[in-house]
Amino acid sequence: MKIVKVSGKDKRHKVFVYALSTCAWCKKTKKFLEDHGIEFEYVDVDLCSKEDIAAIRSELEKRGAPMSFPLIIIDDNIQILGFKEDELKGALGV
């Protein structure tokens, strides 16, 4: 699985994004995080192997999250489904 790390000056939170490479909302989410200097990691699920997609599906099922994108996981306990700028700002304190 190819996980991409995007460096940022704000490292207060552990942020992981499940995304699709072709999804406009996923791109907006990544841009939002970059624009606010937030360090994060992401995986473009549509570019993963079938085995990796199965592993991701299993992980999301354990979290009770749907296979919908973007899915942002903050500090392993906050889940935000979709690009919701206000929720992201509140959760990340920006």
Foldseek 3Di string as FASTA:
>chain_A
DDKDKDAFPDAPKEKEWEAAPPDPQQVVQVVVCVVVRHIYIYDRLVPDDPVVVVVVCVVCVVVVHDPAPGWMQINNNDIDHTNDPVVVCVVSVD
